[in-house]
């Protein structure tokens, strides 16, 4: 079983979006028996909060599920529970590295973006932007998690119809 944790600031916009999209992809690729997925935030200020309504609207529009996700902070125990930790921006990355300095697989999610903007290698936080911000963030996250899953399939040498 390979476990993946997506991390953003408050765990109400970007990381739940990534979790929902990734879960949808692993079902589509018939990999749900091989993977565990969760999300968290580096800040505990939203703990217990539901996913932002704008993220829920994007999920509904693009047919992936974020229902039941409640914000939670990342913990030191997550370092032992998750094989891969993917952060949304440099601040998240730095905070996760400080919390889990010996973890070997912490990445910026956008490192896997097939259309990465070298000038801005982070997943933008749409919280302070309008609906267009959430739409753009969805596009970036979708590309990135798809390429990350392709990376895992190749690394693990799994057979799946998704990446032949």
Protein backbone atom coordinates (compact mmCIF):
# COMPACT_ATOMS: atom_id res chain seq x y z
CA UNK A 1 0.00 0.00 0.00
CA UNK A 2 1.37 3.39 -1.03
CA UNK A 3 0.13 6.34 1.03
CA UNK A 4 -0.05 9.96 -0.12
CA UNK A 5 -0.74 13.13 1.87
CA UNK A 6 -1.56 16.46 0.20
CA UNK A 7 -0.80 19.55 2.29
CA UNK A 8 -1.78 23.22 1.98
CA UNK A 9 -2.22 26.04 4.49
CA UNK A 10 -5.65 25.43 6.03
CA UNK A 11 -6.80 22.18 4.38
CA UNK A 12 -10.00 23.73 3.07
CA UNK A 13 -9.17 24.61 -0.59
CA UNK A 14 -6.14 23.18 -2.39
CA UNK A 15 -5.26 19.99 -0.50
CA UNK A 16 -8.87 18.71 -0.33
CA UNK A 17 -9.13 19.46 -4.06
CA UNK A 18 -5.99 17.39 -4.68
CA UNK A 19 -7.25 14.60 -2.41
CA UNK A 20 -10.61 14.44 -4.19
CA UNK A 21 -9.13 14.49 -7.69
CA UNK A 22 -6.49 11.92 -6.77
CA UNK A 23 -9.03 9.55 -5.22
CA UNK A 24 -11.13 9.82 -8.37
CA UNK A 25 -8.09 9.02 -10.53
CA UNK A 26 -7.04 5.99 -8.49
CA UNK A 27 -10.56 4.55 -8.76
CA UNK A 28 -10.57 5.23 -12.51
CA UNK A 29 -7.19 3.48 -12.78
CA UNK A 30 -8.31 0.55 -10.59
CA UNK A 31 -5.64 1.30 -7.97
CA UNK A 32 -7.80 1.90 -4.89
CA UNK A 33 -6.58 -1.35 -3.30
CA UNK A 34 -2.97 -0.16 -3.61
CA UNK A 35 -3.24 3.40 -2.34
CA UNK A 36 -4.30 5.45 0.68
CA UNK A 37 -4.89 9.20 0.33
CA UNK A 38 -5.51 12.04 2.79
CA UNK A 39 -4.98 15.78 3.13
CA UNK A 40 -3.95 18.17 5.89
CA UNK A 41 -2.93 21.76 6.54
CA UNK A 42 0.16 23.28 8.08
CA UNK A 43 -2.08 25.57 10.13
CA UNK A 44 -4.57 24.33 12.69
CA UNK A 45 -6.74 27.47 12.52
CA UNK A 46 -9.39 25.77 10.35
CA UNK A 47 -9.37 22.40 12.12
CA UNK A 48 -12.74 20.66 11.82
CA UNK A 49 -13.99 23.04 9.11
CA UNK A 50 -15.60 21.65 5.97
CA UNK A 51 -14.13 22.21 2.53
CA UNK A 52 -14.54 25.78 1.23
CA UNK A 53 -17.85 26.15 -0.69
CA UNK A 54 -15.98 27.31 -3.80
CA UNK A 55 -13.91 24.12 -3.79
CA UNK A 56 -17.13 22.13 -3.38
CA UNK A 57 -18.56 23.91 -6.45
CA UNK A 58 -15.45 23.02 -8.48
CA UNK A 59 -15.75 19.40 -7.29
CA UNK A 60 -19.36 19.30 -8.39
CA UNK A 61 -18.55 20.89 -11.75
CA UNK A 62 -15.72 18.44 -12.47
CA UNK A 63 -17.33 15.41 -10.84
CA UNK A 64 -14.99 14.51 -8.00
CA UNK A 65 -15.86 14.10 -4.34
CA UNK A 66 -14.72 16.26 -1.42
CA UNK A 67 -17.67 15.51 0.84
CA UNK A 68 -16.73 14.35 4.29
CA UNK A 69 -13.31 16.01 4.23
CA UNK A 70 -12.74 18.06 7.38
CA UNK A 71 -9.71 20.28 7.86
CA UNK A 72 -6.99 18.89 10.07
CA UNK A 73 -3.42 19.92 10.81
CA UNK A 74 -0.48 17.80 9.74
CA UNK A 75 1.18 16.01 12.66
CA UNK A 76 4.55 14.44 13.32
CA UNK A 77 2.80 11.05 13.19
CA UNK A 78 1.90 11.70 9.56
CA UNK A 79 5.58 11.32 8.73
CA UNK A 80 5.36 7.63 9.57
CA UNK A 81 1.94 7.13 8.03
CA UNK A 82 2.56 8.58 4.56
CA UNK A 83 5.09 7.53 1.95
CA UNK A 84 4.69 10.71 -0.10
CA UNK A 85 3.81 14.20 1.07
CA UNK A 86 2.95 16.75 -1.60
CA UNK A 87 2.76 20.40 -0.63
CA UNK A 88 1.06 23.21 -2.50
CA UNK A 89 3.59 26.01 -2.05
CA UNK A 90 7.08 26.77 -0.77
CA UNK A 91 5.87 27.91 2.67
CA UNK A 92 3.96 24.64 3.12
CA UNK A 93 7.00 22.70 1.94
CA UNK A 94 9.33 24.48 4.37
CA UNK A 95 6.96 23.91 7.30
CA UNK A 96 6.51 20.23 6.49
CA UNK A 97 10.30 19.78 6.12
CA UNK A 98 10.79 21.46 9.52
CA UNK A 99 8.20 19.15 11.11
CA UNK A 100 9.45 16.00 9.35
CA UNK A 101 13.14 16.61 8.61
CA UNK A 102 14.00 12.97 7.93
CA UNK A 103 11.07 12.22 5.60
CA UNK A 104 12.47 11.25 2.20
CA UNK A 105 9.55 12.03 -0.12
CA UNK A 106 8.30 15.58 0.38
CA UNK A 107 7.64 17.45 -2.85
CA UNK A 108 6.01 20.55 -4.18
CA UNK A 109 2.99 19.17 -6.04
CA UNK A 110 3.68 21.38 -9.00
CA UNK A 111 7.00 19.62 -9.59
CA UNK A 112 4.79 17.10 -11.38
CA UNK A 113 2.85 19.67 -13.46
CA UNK A 114 3.23 18.93 -17.16
CA UNK A 115 2.71 22.64 -17.90
CA UNK A 116 4.72 24.09 -15.02
CA UNK A 117 5.35 27.80 -14.99
CA UNK A 118 9.00 28.00 -13.98
CA UNK A 119 8.46 31.55 -12.70
CA UNK A 120 5.73 30.35 -10.32
CA UNK A 121 6.30 26.68 -9.36
CA UNK A 122 3.55 26.61 -6.73
CA UNK A 123 -0.15 25.81 -6.70
CA UNK A 124 -1.75 29.23 -6.21
CA UNK A 125 -4.00 29.64 -3.18
CA UNK A 126 -7.42 30.61 -4.58
CA UNK A 127 -8.87 31.57 -1.18
CA UNK A 128 -8.58 35.31 -1.77
CA UNK A 129 -9.60 35.21 -5.43
CA UNK A 130 -12.89 34.82 -7.22
CA UNK A 131 -14.26 31.80 -9.03
CA UNK A 132 -11.58 32.16 -11.74
CA UNK A 133 -8.93 31.55 -9.09
CA UNK A 134 -10.55 28.26 -8.12
CA UNK A 135 -10.92 27.27 -11.76
CA UNK A 136 -7.24 27.96 -12.46
CA UNK A 137 -6.15 26.14 -9.30
CA UNK A 138 -8.25 23.15 -10.35
CA UNK A 139 -6.48 23.01 -13.72
CA UNK A 140 -3.03 23.13 -12.09
CA UNK A 141 -3.92 20.52 -9.44
CA UNK A 142 -5.57 18.22 -11.98
CA UNK A 143 -2.51 18.18 -14.26
CA UNK A 144 -0.13 17.77 -11.32
CA UNK A 145 -1.91 14.88 -9.58
CA UNK A 146 -2.37 13.10 -12.89
CA UNK A 147 1.37 13.29 -13.60
CA UNK A 148 2.17 12.32 -10.00
CA UNK A 149 0.00 9.22 -10.32
CA UNK A 150 1.71 8.38 -13.59
CA UNK A 151 5.05 8.73 -11.78
CA UNK A 152 3.88 6.32 -9.03
CA UNK A 153 2.57 3.79 -11.54
CA UNK A 154 5.93 3.75 -13.31
CA UNK A 155 7.92 3.68 -10.06
CA UNK A 156 5.84 0.86 -8.58
CA UNK A 157 5.58 -0.95 -11.93
CA UNK A 158 1.83 -1.31 -11.58
CA UNK A 159 -0.32 -2.49 -14.46
CA UNK A 160 -3.19 -0.13 -15.14
CA UNK A 161 -5.05 0.83 -18.29
CA UNK A 162 -4.54 4.50 -17.46
CA UNK A 163 -0.87 4.84 -18.34
CA UNK A 164 0.00 2.22 -20.92
